[in-house]
Structure formats: C-alpha cells, structure tokens
C-alpha cells in the first residue's frame, strides 16, 4: 500500500474514533471527556497502520505494544482525573 493511503486510512480511523468520543461527550455535556481519549487515539492510529501492513517485523510488534502501553497509561491517568471532577476542565 502506498504511504499516502496508509496515512489517510489512519487519519480516517482517528477521526471516526474521536467523532464517536465527541458525540458521547456532547451527550454527557462534558466535552472535557475528549481529553482522556488522546492516548487511545494513538493506539487507534497504530492499529490502523498495523492492519494495513502486509507483514510486521518484531520491531513493528514491539512499537505497537509500546504505543498501546503508553496510550493506555495516558488514558487511565487523565480519565481518573475526569471521573474525579464534577465540572468542565
């Protein structure tokens, strides 16, 4: 797959993911919810890119795992702060 197609598909995946989160935030009337989902957006982009690869090396799997760990840690840190607050950030 051409690099431009991979980047475009990853961008669309991130846009769709954040669109769903934004709709959820609007329903909750707490748009600061979207701050919590920046980390998982990196995971979505990494997964979208990995799924488009014809094959992945060990280094590719390692990067995917590390991005997933980092994105999950960032999500849990910011989401816990979100849950502890009753007002918009």
N, C-alpha and C. Protein backbone atom coordinates (compact mmCIF):
# COMPACT_ATOMS: atom_id res chain seq x y z
N UNK A 1 0.84 -1.18 0.00
CA UNK A 1 0.00 0.00 0.00
C UNK A 1 0.89 1.24 0.00
N UNK A 2 0.47 2.25 -0.70
CA UNK A 2 1.24 3.49 -0.78
C UNK A 2 1.15 4.23 0.56
N UNK A 3 2.23 4.89 0.92
CA UNK A 3 2.30 5.59 2.20
C UNK A 3 1.16 6.58 2.38
N UNK A 4 0.80 7.30 1.33
CA UNK A 4 -0.28 8.28 1.43
C UNK A 4 -1.60 7.59 1.79
N UNK A 5 -1.86 6.43 1.22
CA UNK A 5 -3.08 5.68 1.54
C UNK A 5 -3.08 5.21 2.99
N UNK A 6 -1.93 4.78 3.48
CA UNK A 6 -1.82 4.32 4.86
C UNK A 6 -2.08 5.48 5.82
N UNK A 7 -1.45 6.61 5.55
CA UNK A 7 -1.64 7.78 6.41
C UNK A 7 -3.09 8.25 6.36
N UNK A 8 -3.69 8.28 5.19
CA UNK A 8 -5.08 8.70 5.05
C UNK A 8 -6.02 7.76 5.81
N UNK A 9 -5.81 6.46 5.68
CA UNK A 9 -6.66 5.49 6.37
C UNK A 9 -6.50 5.62 7.89
N UNK A 10 -5.29 5.85 8.37
CA UNK A 10 -5.06 6.03 9.80
C UNK A 10 -5.71 7.32 10.29
N UNK A 11 -5.65 8.37 9.48
CA UNK A 11 -6.30 9.64 9.81
C UNK A 11 -7.82 9.46 9.91
N UNK A 12 -8.39 8.75 8.96
CA UNK A 12 -9.84 8.50 8.98
C UNK A 12 -10.22 7.68 10.21
N UNK A 13 -9.42 6.69 10.56
CA UNK A 13 -9.69 5.88 11.76
C UNK A 13 -9.68 6.76 13.00
N UNK A 14 -8.68 7.63 13.12
CA UNK A 14 -8.60 8.54 14.27
C UNK A 14 -9.78 9.51 14.28
N UNK A 15 -10.14 10.01 13.13
CA UNK A 15 -11.26 10.95 13.02
C UNK A 15 -12.58 10.29 13.43
N UNK A 16 -12.80 9.08 12.97
CA UNK A 16 -14.01 8.35 13.35
C UNK A 16 -14.04 8.06 14.85
N UNK A 17 -12.92 7.62 15.39
CA UNK A 17 -12.82 7.33 16.81
C UNK A 17 -13.12 8.58 17.64
N UNK A 18 -12.45 9.68 17.32
CA UNK A 18 -12.67 10.91 18.07
C UNK A 18 -14.06 11.49 17.84
N UNK A 19 -14.64 11.24 16.67
CA UNK A 19 -16.01 11.67 16.41
C UNK A 19 -17.00 10.98 17.33
N UNK A 20 -16.81 9.69 17.53
CA UNK A 20 -17.67 8.93 18.45
C UNK A 20 -17.49 9.43 19.88
N UNK A 21 -16.24 9.65 20.28
CA UNK A 21 -15.97 10.15 21.63
C UNK A 21 -16.59 11.54 21.81
N UNK A 22 -16.47 12.39 20.80
CA UNK A 22 -17.03 13.74 20.89
C UNK A 22 -18.55 13.69 21.01
N UNK A 23 -19.19 12.80 20.26
CA UNK A 23 -20.66 12.65 20.36
C UNK A 23 -21.04 12.20 21.77
N UNK A 24 -20.28 11.27 22.34
CA UNK A 24 -20.51 10.81 23.70
C UNK A 24 -20.34 11.97 24.69
N UNK A 25 -19.30 12.77 24.48
CA UNK A 25 -19.04 13.92 25.35
C UNK A 25 -20.18 14.93 25.28
N UNK A 26 -20.73 15.14 24.10
CA UNK A 26 -21.86 16.06 23.96
C UNK A 26 -23.09 15.53 24.69
N UNK A 27 -23.30 14.22 24.62
CA UNK A 27 -24.42 13.62 25.34
C UNK A 27 -24.28 13.81 26.85
N UNK A 28 -23.05 13.70 27.33
CA UNK A 28 -22.79 13.87 28.76
C UNK A 28 -22.72 15.34 29.17
N UNK A 29 -22.66 16.22 28.16
CA UNK A 29 -22.46 17.66 28.40
C UNK A 29 -21.15 17.92 29.15
N UNK A 30 -20.14 17.13 28.81
CA UNK A 30 -18.80 17.27 29.39
C UNK A 30 -17.79 17.07 28.27
N UNK A 31 -17.54 18.12 27.49
CA UNK A 31 -16.63 17.98 26.36
C UNK A 31 -15.19 17.76 26.79
N UNK A 32 -14.88 17.96 28.07
CA UNK A 32 -13.53 17.66 28.53
C UNK A 32 -13.24 16.16 28.55
N UNK A 33 -14.26 15.35 28.32
CA UNK A 33 -14.06 13.90 28.21
C UNK A 33 -13.08 13.57 27.09
N UNK A 34 -13.10 14.35 26.04
CA UNK A 34 -12.25 14.06 24.88
C UNK A 34 -10.77 14.11 25.24
N UNK A 35 -10.40 14.88 26.27
CA UNK A 35 -9.00 14.94 26.69
C UNK A 35 -8.49 13.55 27.08
N UNK A 36 -9.35 12.76 27.67
CA UNK A 36 -8.96 11.42 28.13
C UNK A 36 -8.62 10.49 26.97
N UNK A 37 -9.13 10.78 25.80
CA UNK A 37 -9.02 9.85 24.68
C UNK A 37 -7.91 10.19 23.69
N UNK A 38 -7.02 11.12 24.05
CA UNK A 38 -5.88 11.37 23.17
C UNK A 38 -4.95 10.16 23.14
N UNK A 39 -4.70 9.55 24.29
CA UNK A 39 -3.84 8.36 24.34
C UNK A 39 -4.38 7.21 23.51
N UNK A 40 -5.67 6.85 23.70
CA UNK A 40 -6.22 5.78 22.87
C UNK A 40 -6.25 6.11 21.37
N UNK A 41 -6.26 7.38 21.03
CA UNK A 41 -6.22 7.75 19.61
C UNK A 41 -4.90 7.30 18.98
N UNK A 42 -3.81 7.41 19.73
CA UNK A 42 -2.53 6.91 19.23
C UNK A 42 -2.59 5.40 19.02
N UNK A 43 -3.29 4.71 19.90
CA UNK A 43 -3.45 3.26 19.76
C UNK A 43 -4.26 2.95 18.50
N UNK A 44 -5.32 3.70 18.26
CA UNK A 44 -6.15 3.50 17.06
C UNK A 44 -5.31 3.71 15.80
N UNK A 45 -4.50 4.76 15.79
CA UNK A 45 -3.65 5.03 14.62
C UNK A 45 -2.63 3.90 14.44
N UNK A 46 -2.02 3.46 15.53
CA UNK A 46 -1.03 2.37 15.44
C UNK A 46 -1.67 1.09 14.94
N UNK A 47 -2.88 0.77 15.45
CA UNK A 47 -3.57 -0.44 15.00
C UNK A 47 -4.00 -0.33 13.54
N UNK A 48 -4.51 0.84 13.15
CA UNK A 48 -4.93 1.03 11.76
C UNK A 48 -3.74 0.86 10.82
N UNK A 49 -2.60 1.37 11.23
CA UNK A 49 -1.39 1.23 10.42
C UNK A 49 -0.93 -0.22 10.37
N UNK A 50 -0.97 -0.90 11.52
CA UNK A 50 -0.53 -2.30 11.58
C UNK A 50 -1.42 -3.20 10.73
N UNK A 51 -2.72 -2.95 10.75
CA UNK A 51 -3.64 -3.79 9.97
C UNK A 51 -3.42 -3.63 8.47
N UNK A 52 -2.84 -2.50 8.07
CA UNK A 52 -2.60 -2.28 6.64
C UNK A 52 -1.28 -2.86 6.17
N UNK A 53 -0.43 -3.24 7.11
CA UNK A 53 0.88 -3.79 6.76
C UNK A 53 0.71 -5.22 6.25
N UNK A 54 1.45 -5.55 5.22
CA UNK A 54 1.38 -6.92 4.69
C UNK A 54 2.03 -7.90 5.66
N UNK A 55 3.05 -7.44 6.36
CA UNK A 55 3.68 -8.23 7.41
C UNK A 55 4.37 -7.26 8.37
N UNK A 56 4.52 -7.70 9.62
CA UNK A 56 5.18 -6.85 10.60
C UNK A 56 6.37 -7.57 11.19
N UNK A 57 7.44 -6.82 11.36
CA UNK A 57 8.64 -7.38 11.98
C UNK A 57 8.47 -7.38 13.49
N UNK A 58 9.44 -7.96 14.15
CA UNK A 58 9.44 -7.95 15.61
C UNK A 58 9.46 -6.51 16.13
N UNK A 59 10.24 -5.66 15.47
CA UNK A 59 10.31 -4.25 15.88
C UNK A 59 8.94 -3.58 15.73
N UNK A 60 8.23 -3.91 14.68
CA UNK A 60 6.89 -3.35 14.48
C UNK A 60 5.94 -3.76 15.59
N UNK A 61 5.98 -5.04 15.96
CA UNK A 61 5.14 -5.51 17.06
C UNK A 61 5.54 -4.85 18.38
N UNK A 62 6.83 -4.66 18.57
CA UNK A 62 7.31 -4.00 19.79
C UNK A 62 6.81 -2.57 19.87
N UNK A 63 6.90 -1.83 18.76
CA UNK A 63 6.41 -0.45 18.73
C UNK A 63 4.90 -0.43 18.99
N UNK A 64 4.17 -1.33 18.36
CA UNK A 64 2.72 -1.40 18.58
C UNK A 64 2.41 -1.66 20.05
N UNK A 65 3.13 -2.57 20.67
CA UNK A 65 2.93 -2.86 22.09
C UNK A 65 3.26 -1.68 22.97
N UNK A 66 4.36 -0.99 22.68
CA UNK A 66 4.75 0.16 23.49
C UNK A 66 3.78 1.32 23.33
N UNK A 67 3.31 1.56 22.12
CA UNK A 67 2.31 2.61 21.91
C UNK A 67 1.03 2.27 22.67
N UNK A 68 0.66 1.00 22.65
CA UNK A 68 -0.54 0.57 23.38
C UNK A 68 -0.37 0.77 24.88
N UNK A 69 0.78 0.41 25.41
CA UNK A 69 1.04 0.62 26.84
C UNK A 69 1.01 2.10 27.20
N UNK A 70 1.69 2.91 26.40
CA UNK A 70 1.76 4.34 26.68
C UNK A 70 0.38 4.99 26.55
N UNK A 71 -0.36 4.66 25.49
CA UNK A 71 -1.69 5.23 25.30
C UNK A 71 -2.65 4.82 26.40
N UNK A 72 -2.54 3.58 26.86
CA UNK A 72 -3.39 3.10 27.95
C UNK A 72 -3.05 3.82 29.26
N UNK A 73 -1.77 4.02 29.51
CA UNK A 73 -1.35 4.73 30.72
C UNK A 73 -1.85 6.17 30.69
N UNK A 74 -1.70 6.84 29.55
CA UNK A 74 -2.17 8.21 29.43
C UNK A 74 -3.67 8.30 29.62
N UNK A 75 -4.41 7.36 29.01
CA UNK A 75 -5.86 7.32 29.17
C UNK A 75 -6.25 7.16 30.63
N UNK A 76 -5.64 6.19 31.31
CA UNK A 76 -6.05 5.93 32.69
C UNK A 76 -5.74 7.12 33.59
N UNK A 77 -4.62 7.78 33.37
CA UNK A 77 -4.24 8.94 34.18
C UNK A 77 -5.24 10.09 34.01
N UNK A 78 -5.54 10.44 32.77
CA UNK A 78 -6.43 11.58 32.52
C UNK A 78 -7.88 11.22 32.80
N UNK A 79 -8.29 9.98 32.51
CA UNK A 79 -9.68 9.58 32.74
C UNK A 79 -10.00 9.54 34.23
N UNK A 80 -9.05 9.10 35.05
CA UNK A 80 -9.27 9.13 36.51
C UNK A 80 -9.46 10.56 37.00
N UNK A 81 -8.71 11.49 36.45
CA UNK A 81 -8.88 12.89 36.80
C UNK A 81 -10.26 13.39 36.35
N UNK A 82 -10.70 12.96 35.17
CA UNK A 82 -12.02 13.33 34.67
C UNK A 82 -13.11 12.80 35.59
N UNK A 83 -13.00 11.54 36.00
CA UNK A 83 -14.01 10.94 36.88
C UNK A 83 -14.08 11.62 38.25
N UNK A 84 -12.95 12.15 38.70
CA UNK A 84 -12.91 12.80 40.00
C UNK A 84 -13.42 14.22 40.00
N UNK A 85 -13.78 14.73 38.84
CA UNK A 85 -14.22 16.13 38.72
C UNK A 85 -15.69 16.18 38.34
N UNK A 86 -16.38 17.15 38.88
CA UNK A 86 -17.80 17.35 38.53
C UNK A 86 -18.01 18.51 37.58
N UNK A 87 -16.94 19.20 37.21
CA UNK A 87 -17.08 20.36 36.35
C UNK A 87 -16.14 20.23 35.14
N UNK A 88 -16.38 21.07 34.14
CA UNK A 88 -15.54 21.07 32.95
C UNK A 88 -14.12 21.48 33.32
N UNK A 89 -13.17 20.90 32.65
CA UNK A 89 -11.78 21.24 32.87
C UNK A 89 -11.48 22.54 32.15
